[in-house]
Amino acid sequence: MVITISAKHMALSDKVADYIRQKMSKLPRYFNRIQELVVVVEKLRRGYHVEIRSDVEHHEDFVSTSDHENLFMCVDLAVNRSARQLCDWKEKIRQHRR
């Protein structure tokens, strides 16, 4: 699994990049066929915007976004949404096979 982190209108510190990598490394727990994760962090006038694109096998990319004043909270919210999307897709696949 490849994790790509980029930033718009700001520079990411090593601490933030490591935090994002740590959170992204937990996503294969929910769905193990993730090929690539692309994280885009953007600085807005009042806070931050995080977008996560999850590239999985045999499906279009899942996109989860979040806006928040705190960068770490914004990352957490986006990861939670991405985890929910992956869990829902995994459950849908399992129900279809029965």
N, C-alpha and C. Protein backbone atom coordinates (compact mmCIF):
# COMPACT_ATOMS: atom_id res chain seq x y z
N MET A 1 0.84 -1.17 0.00
CA MET A 1 0.00 0.00 0.00
C MET A 1 0.89 1.24 0.00
N VAL A 2 0.57 2.16 -0.87
CA VAL A 2 1.32 3.40 -1.00
C VAL A 2 0.53 4.53 -0.36
N ILE A 3 1.21 5.32 0.47
CA ILE A 3 0.57 6.47 1.10
C ILE A 3 1.25 7.72 0.58
N THR A 4 0.46 8.60 -0.07
CA THR A 4 0.97 9.85 -0.61
C THR A 4 0.33 11.00 0.14
N ILE A 5 1.17 11.89 0.68
CA ILE A 5 0.68 13.03 1.45
C ILE A 5 1.15 14.30 0.76
N SER A 6 0.21 15.21 0.51
CA SER A 6 0.56 16.49 -0.09
C SER A 6 -0.19 17.60 0.62
N ALA A 7 0.31 18.82 0.46
CA ALA A 7 -0.30 19.97 1.13
C ALA A 7 -0.48 21.12 0.15
N LYS A 8 -1.53 21.89 0.36
CA LYS A 8 -1.80 23.09 -0.44
C LYS A 8 -1.77 24.29 0.49
N HIS A 9 -1.10 25.33 0.07
CA HIS A 9 -1.06 26.61 0.78
C HIS A 9 -0.42 26.50 2.17
N MET A 10 0.42 25.48 2.37
CA MET A 10 1.09 25.32 3.65
C MET A 10 2.22 24.31 3.50
N ALA A 11 3.06 24.24 4.51
CA ALA A 11 4.12 23.24 4.56
C ALA A 11 3.82 22.29 5.71
N LEU A 12 3.94 21.01 5.46
CA LEU A 12 3.67 20.02 6.49
C LEU A 12 4.93 19.75 7.30
N SER A 13 4.80 19.74 8.60
CA SER A 13 5.93 19.38 9.45
C SER A 13 6.05 17.87 9.50
N ASP A 14 7.19 17.40 9.96
CA ASP A 14 7.40 15.96 10.08
C ASP A 14 6.44 15.34 11.09
N LYS A 15 6.14 16.08 12.13
CA LYS A 15 5.21 15.59 13.16
C LYS A 15 3.83 15.32 12.57
N VAL A 16 3.34 16.25 11.77
CA VAL A 16 2.02 16.09 11.15
C VAL A 16 2.04 14.96 10.13
N ALA A 17 3.09 14.87 9.32
CA ALA A 17 3.18 13.82 8.31
C ALA A 17 3.25 12.44 8.98
N ASP A 18 3.99 12.32 10.06
CA ASP A 18 4.06 11.05 10.78
C ASP A 18 2.71 10.68 11.39
N TYR A 19 2.00 11.68 11.91
CA TYR A 19 0.67 11.45 12.48
C TYR A 19 -0.29 10.94 11.40
N ILE A 20 -0.24 11.55 10.23
CA ILE A 20 -1.11 11.13 9.13
C ILE A 20 -0.76 9.71 8.69
N ARG A 21 0.53 9.41 8.55
CA ARG A 21 0.94 8.06 8.16
C ARG A 21 0.49 7.02 9.18
N GLN A 22 0.59 7.37 10.46
CA GLN A 22 0.17 6.46 11.52
C GLN A 22 -1.33 6.17 11.40
N LYS A 23 -2.13 7.20 11.18
CA LYS A 23 -3.58 7.01 11.04
C LYS A 23 -3.93 6.23 9.77
N MET A 24 -3.24 6.52 8.67
CA MET A 24 -3.52 5.83 7.40
C MET A 24 -3.13 4.36 7.46
N SER A 25 -2.10 4.03 8.24
CA SER A 25 -1.67 2.64 8.31
C SER A 25 -2.70 1.75 9.00
N LYS A 26 -3.68 2.33 9.69
CA LYS A 26 -4.73 1.56 10.35
C LYS A 26 -5.89 1.22 9.41
N LEU A 27 -5.99 1.88 8.27
CA LEU A 27 -7.12 1.65 7.37
C LEU A 27 -7.17 0.25 6.75
N PRO A 28 -6.05 -0.41 6.44
CA PRO A 28 -6.16 -1.77 5.90
C PRO A 28 -6.79 -2.76 6.87
N ARG A 29 -6.90 -2.39 8.12
CA ARG A 29 -7.60 -3.22 9.10
C ARG A 29 -9.08 -3.37 8.73
N TYR A 30 -9.64 -2.35 8.10
CA TYR A 30 -11.05 -2.36 7.74
C TYR A 30 -11.31 -3.01 6.38
N PHE A 31 -10.37 -2.86 5.46
CA PHE A 31 -10.50 -3.46 4.13
C PHE A 31 -9.09 -3.67 3.60
N ASN A 32 -8.71 -4.92 3.38
CA ASN A 32 -7.31 -5.22 3.09
C ASN A 32 -6.91 -5.09 1.63
N ARG A 33 -7.81 -4.72 0.75
CA ARG A 33 -7.48 -4.58 -0.67
C ARG A 33 -7.25 -3.13 -1.08
N ILE A 34 -6.69 -2.35 -0.19
CA ILE A 34 -6.37 -0.95 -0.51
C ILE A 34 -5.05 -0.93 -1.25
N GLN A 35 -5.02 -0.28 -2.40
CA GLN A 35 -3.80 -0.20 -3.18
C GLN A 35 -3.03 1.09 -2.89
N GLU A 36 -3.75 2.19 -2.75
CA GLU A 36 -3.09 3.48 -2.55
C GLU A 36 -3.99 4.40 -1.75
N LEU A 37 -3.37 5.20 -0.90
CA LEU A 37 -4.07 6.24 -0.15
C LEU A 37 -3.42 7.58 -0.48
N VAL A 38 -4.23 8.52 -0.92
CA VAL A 38 -3.74 9.86 -1.24
C VAL A 38 -4.39 10.83 -0.28
N VAL A 39 -3.57 11.56 0.46
CA VAL A 39 -4.06 12.52 1.45
C VAL A 39 -3.65 13.92 1.00
N VAL A 40 -4.63 14.82 0.92
CA VAL A 40 -4.37 16.21 0.57
C VAL A 40 -4.82 17.08 1.73
N VAL A 41 -3.89 17.82 2.30
CA VAL A 41 -4.17 18.72 3.41
C VAL A 41 -4.12 20.14 2.87
N GLU A 42 -5.18 20.90 3.13
CA GLU A 42 -5.26 22.26 2.60
C GLU A 42 -5.54 23.23 3.72
N LYS A 43 -4.83 24.34 3.72
CA LYS A 43 -5.04 25.40 4.70
C LYS A 43 -6.10 26.36 4.16
N LEU A 44 -7.17 26.52 4.93
CA LEU A 44 -8.23 27.46 4.57
C LEU A 44 -8.09 28.72 5.41
N ARG A 45 -8.94 29.68 5.17
CA ARG A 45 -8.88 30.91 5.96
C ARG A 45 -9.13 30.64 7.43
N ARG A 46 -10.12 29.80 7.69
CA ARG A 46 -10.47 29.47 9.08
C ARG A 46 -10.38 27.97 9.29
N GLY A 47 -9.19 27.45 9.34
CA GLY A 47 -9.04 26.03 9.62
C GLY A 47 -8.36 25.27 8.50
N TYR A 48 -8.71 24.00 8.42
CA TYR A 48 -8.07 23.08 7.49
C TYR A 48 -9.10 22.23 6.78
N HIS A 49 -8.69 21.70 5.64
CA HIS A 49 -9.51 20.78 4.85
C HIS A 49 -8.64 19.58 4.52
N VAL A 50 -9.12 18.38 4.83
CA VAL A 50 -8.38 17.15 4.54
C VAL A 50 -9.24 16.29 3.61
N GLU A 51 -8.61 15.78 2.56
CA GLU A 51 -9.27 14.88 1.62
C GLU A 51 -8.46 13.60 1.53
N ILE A 52 -9.13 12.47 1.66
CA ILE A 52 -8.49 11.16 1.56
C ILE A 52 -9.12 10.41 0.40
N ARG A 53 -8.28 9.98 -0.55
CA ARG A 53 -8.72 9.15 -1.67
C ARG A 53 -8.17 7.76 -1.45
N SER A 54 -9.08 6.80 -1.35
CA SER A 54 -8.70 5.40 -1.12
C SER A 54 -8.90 4.63 -2.42
N ASP A 55 -7.82 4.17 -3.01
CA ASP A 55 -7.88 3.40 -4.24
C ASP A 55 -7.93 1.92 -3.86
N VAL A 56 -9.07 1.28 -4.16
CA VAL A 56 -9.25 -0.14 -3.84
C VAL A 56 -9.45 -0.93 -5.12
N GLU A 57 -9.21 -2.23 -5.04
CA GLU A 57 -9.37 -3.10 -6.20
C GLU A 57 -10.83 -3.20 -6.62
N HIS A 58 -11.07 -3.20 -7.90
CA HIS A 58 -12.38 -3.46 -8.51
C HIS A 58 -13.45 -2.46 -8.09
N HIS A 59 -13.06 -1.22 -7.81
CA HIS A 59 -14.04 -0.19 -7.46
C HIS A 59 -13.41 1.17 -7.71
N GLU A 60 -14.27 2.16 -7.92
CA GLU A 60 -13.77 3.52 -8.05
C GLU A 60 -13.21 3.98 -6.71
N ASP A 61 -12.46 5.07 -6.74
CA ASP A 61 -11.86 5.58 -5.51
C ASP A 61 -12.92 6.04 -4.53
N PHE A 62 -12.68 5.75 -3.25
CA PHE A 62 -13.52 6.30 -2.18
C PHE A 62 -12.90 7.62 -1.76
N VAL A 63 -13.74 8.64 -1.60
CA VAL A 63 -13.25 9.96 -1.21
C VAL A 63 -13.94 10.37 0.07
N SER A 64 -13.14 10.77 1.05
CA SER A 64 -13.70 11.29 2.30
C SER A 64 -13.03 12.63 2.59
N THR A 65 -13.83 13.59 3.02
CA THR A 65 -13.31 14.93 3.29
C THR A 65 -13.73 15.38 4.68
N SER A 66 -13.02 16.36 5.18
CA SER A 66 -13.33 16.90 6.49
C SER A 66 -12.81 18.33 6.58
N ASP A 67 -13.55 19.19 7.27
CA ASP A 67 -13.15 20.56 7.56
C ASP A 67 -13.19 20.77 9.06
N HIS A 68 -12.15 21.37 9.61
CA HIS A 68 -12.11 21.64 11.04
C HIS A 68 -11.05 22.70 11.32
N GLU A 69 -11.17 23.36 12.47
CA GLU A 69 -10.20 24.38 12.86
C GLU A 69 -8.87 23.77 13.29
N ASN A 70 -8.92 22.58 13.89
CA ASN A 70 -7.73 21.89 14.37
C ASN A 70 -7.30 20.86 13.32
N LEU A 71 -6.04 20.87 12.93
CA LEU A 71 -5.56 19.98 11.88
C LEU A 71 -5.64 18.52 12.29
N PHE A 72 -5.25 18.19 13.51
CA PHE A 72 -5.27 16.80 13.96
C PHE A 72 -6.70 16.27 14.05
N MET A 73 -7.62 17.09 14.50
CA MET A 73 -9.03 16.70 14.56
C MET A 73 -9.59 16.50 13.15
N CYS A 74 -9.17 17.34 12.24
CA CYS A 74 -9.61 17.24 10.86
C CYS A 74 -9.14 15.91 10.25
N VAL A 75 -7.91 15.53 10.52
CA VAL A 75 -7.38 14.25 10.04
C VAL A 75 -8.17 13.09 10.65
N ASP A 76 -8.44 13.16 11.94
CA ASP A 76 -9.19 12.10 12.62
C ASP A 76 -10.58 11.93 12.02
N LEU A 77 -11.27 13.03 11.76
CA LEU A 77 -12.62 12.96 11.19
C LEU A 77 -12.59 12.34 9.79
N ALA A 78 -11.61 12.74 8.98
CA ALA A 78 -11.52 12.20 7.62
C ALA A 78 -11.19 10.71 7.65
N VAL A 79 -10.32 10.28 8.56
CA VAL A 79 -9.98 8.86 8.68
C VAL A 79 -11.20 8.06 9.13
N ASN A 80 -11.96 8.59 10.06
CA ASN A 80 -13.18 7.90 10.51
C ASN A 80 -14.18 7.73 9.37
N ARG A 81 -14.33 8.75 8.56
CA ARG A 81 -15.25 8.66 7.42
C ARG A 81 -14.75 7.65 6.40
N SER A 82 -13.45 7.65 6.17
CA SER A 82 -12.88 6.70 5.23
C SER A 82 -13.03 5.27 5.74
N ALA A 83 -12.83 5.06 7.03
CA ALA A 83 -12.99 3.73 7.63
C ALA A 83 -14.43 3.26 7.50
N ARG A 84 -15.38 4.15 7.71
CA ARG A 84 -16.79 3.79 7.57
C ARG A 84 -17.12 3.39 6.14
N GLN A 85 -16.60 4.15 5.16
CA GLN A 85 -16.83 3.81 3.77
C GLN A 85 -16.27 2.44 3.42
N LEU A 86 -15.07 2.15 3.90
CA LEU A 86 -14.44 0.87 3.61
C LEU A 86 -15.19 -0.28 4.28
N CYS A 87 -15.65 -0.06 5.51
CA CYS A 87 -16.43 -1.09 6.21
C CYS A 87 -17.75 -1.37 5.49
N ASP A 88 -18.41 -0.31 5.07
CA ASP A 88 -19.67 -0.49 4.34
C ASP A 88 -19.46 -1.26 3.04
N TRP A 89 -18.39 -0.93 2.33
CA TRP A 89 -18.11 -1.62 1.06
C TRP A 89 -17.78 -3.09 1.31
N LYS A 90 -17.01 -3.37 2.35
CA LYS A 90 -16.67 -4.75 2.68
C LYS A 90 -17.92 -5.55 3.03
N GLU A 91 -18.81 -4.94 3.80
CA GLU A 91 -20.06 -5.59 4.18
C GLU A 91 -20.94 -5.84 2.95
N LYS A 92 -20.96 -4.89 2.03
CA LYS A 92 -21.75 -5.05 0.82
C LYS A 92 -21.22 -6.20 -0.03
N ILE A 93 -19.91 -6.33 -0.11
CA ILE A 93 -19.31 -7.43 -0.87
C ILE A 93 -19.65 -8.77 -0.21
N ARG A 94 -19.57 -8.83 1.10
CA ARG A 94 -19.86 -10.08 1.81
C ARG A 94 -21.33 -10.48 1.63
N GLN A 95 -22.24 -9.52 1.68
CA GLN A 95 -23.66 -9.82 1.51
C GLN A 95 -23.94 -10.27 0.09
N HIS A 96 -23.22 -9.74 -0.87
CA HIS A 96 -23.45 -10.08 -2.27
C HIS A 96 -23.02 -11.52 -2.57
N ARG A 97 -21.99 -11.99 -1.89
CA ARG A 97 -21.47 -13.32 -2.13
C ARG A 97 -22.35 -14.42 -1.56
N ARG A 98 -23.20 -14.11 -0.64
CA ARG A 98 -24.04 -15.13 0.00
C ARG A 98 -25.14 -15.59 -0.87
